[in-house]
Amino acid sequence: NNCVLIVDDELRMRKLIKDFLSAKGYSILEAEDGEKALEVFKNNKNKISLILLDVMMPVLNGIETLKKI
């Protein structure tokens, strides 16, 4: 089971990517900012295959999030 973590502060963008990847058989996890992404990653790191990470986000941007992951 391939799991993708989608991290984007725009709900519309997350939904668009989620709908497309779900239709292709991927399971999806979502986060709306970098801090939430770190929490989701910590709790699911053994099943996440790919992270799609927006760079420009409030709270913790994508670059800082990536460094912490």
Protein backbone atom coordinates (compact mmCIF):
# COMPACT_ATOMS: atom_id res chain seq x y z
CA ASN A 1 0.00 0.00 0.00
CA ASN A 2 1.62 3.22 -1.17
CA CYS A 3 0.92 6.13 1.16
CA VAL A 4 1.45 9.78 0.22
CA LEU A 5 1.56 12.67 2.68
CA ILE A 6 0.25 15.85 1.06
CA VAL A 7 1.32 19.05 2.83
CA ASP A 8 -0.21 22.29 1.58
CA ASP A 9 -1.94 25.19 3.30
CA GLU A 10 -4.48 25.40 0.46
CA LEU A 11 -7.37 22.98 1.00
CA ARG A 12 -8.30 23.12 -2.71
CA MET A 13 -4.82 22.00 -3.75
CA ARG A 14 -4.76 19.16 -1.21
CA LYS A 15 -8.17 17.97 -2.40
CA LEU A 16 -7.15 18.07 -6.07
CA ILE A 17 -4.02 15.99 -5.45
CA LYS A 18 -5.83 13.66 -3.04
CA ASP A 19 -8.64 12.97 -5.52
CA PHE A 20 -6.17 12.22 -8.33
CA LEU A 21 -3.89 9.97 -6.28
CA SER A 22 -6.76 8.17 -4.52
CA ALA A 23 -8.19 7.29 -7.92
CA LYS A 24 -4.81 5.72 -8.76
CA GLY A 25 -4.92 3.55 -5.63
CA TYR A 26 -2.76 5.55 -3.24
CA SER A 27 -3.71 6.07 0.38
CA ILE A 28 -3.45 9.69 1.46
CA LEU A 29 -2.48 11.55 4.61
CA GLU A 30 -2.83 15.33 4.77
CA ALA A 31 -1.42 18.26 6.70
CA GLU A 32 -2.21 21.96 6.35
CA ASP A 33 1.11 23.29 7.67
CA GLY A 34 4.62 22.22 8.53
CA GLU A 35 4.00 21.60 12.22
CA LYS A 36 1.03 19.34 11.48
CA ALA A 37 3.11 17.59 8.79
CA LEU A 38 5.81 16.76 11.36
CA GLU A 39 3.18 15.30 13.67
CA VAL A 40 1.58 13.22 10.90
CA PHE A 41 5.01 12.07 9.69
CA LYS A 42 6.10 11.05 13.20
CA ASN A 43 2.95 8.97 13.68
CA ASN A 44 3.06 7.33 10.22
CA LYS A 45 6.70 7.31 9.07
CA ASN A 46 6.76 3.55 8.53
CA LYS A 47 3.95 3.66 5.98
CA ILE A 48 4.64 6.94 4.10
CA SER A 49 6.27 6.36 0.72
CA LEU A 50 6.26 9.94 -0.58
CA ILE A 51 5.75 13.46 0.76
CA LEU A 52 4.41 16.21 -1.50
CA LEU A 53 5.47 19.33 0.35
CA ASP A 54 4.50 22.93 -0.44
CA VAL A 55 7.36 25.37 0.15
CA MET A 56 5.41 28.53 0.99
CA MET A 57 3.25 27.83 4.05
CA PRO A 58 2.48 29.66 7.28
CA VAL A 59 3.70 28.44 10.70
CA LEU A 60 6.59 26.32 9.36
CA ASN A 61 7.56 26.57 5.69
CA GLY A 62 8.33 23.58 3.49
CA ILE A 63 12.11 23.97 3.61
CA GLU A 64 12.17 24.05 7.43
CA THR A 65 9.73 21.15 7.54
CA LEU A 66 11.95 19.09 5.24
CA LYS A 67 15.02 19.81 7.38
CA LYS A 68 13.18 18.58 10.48
CA ILE A 69 11.94 15.43 8.74
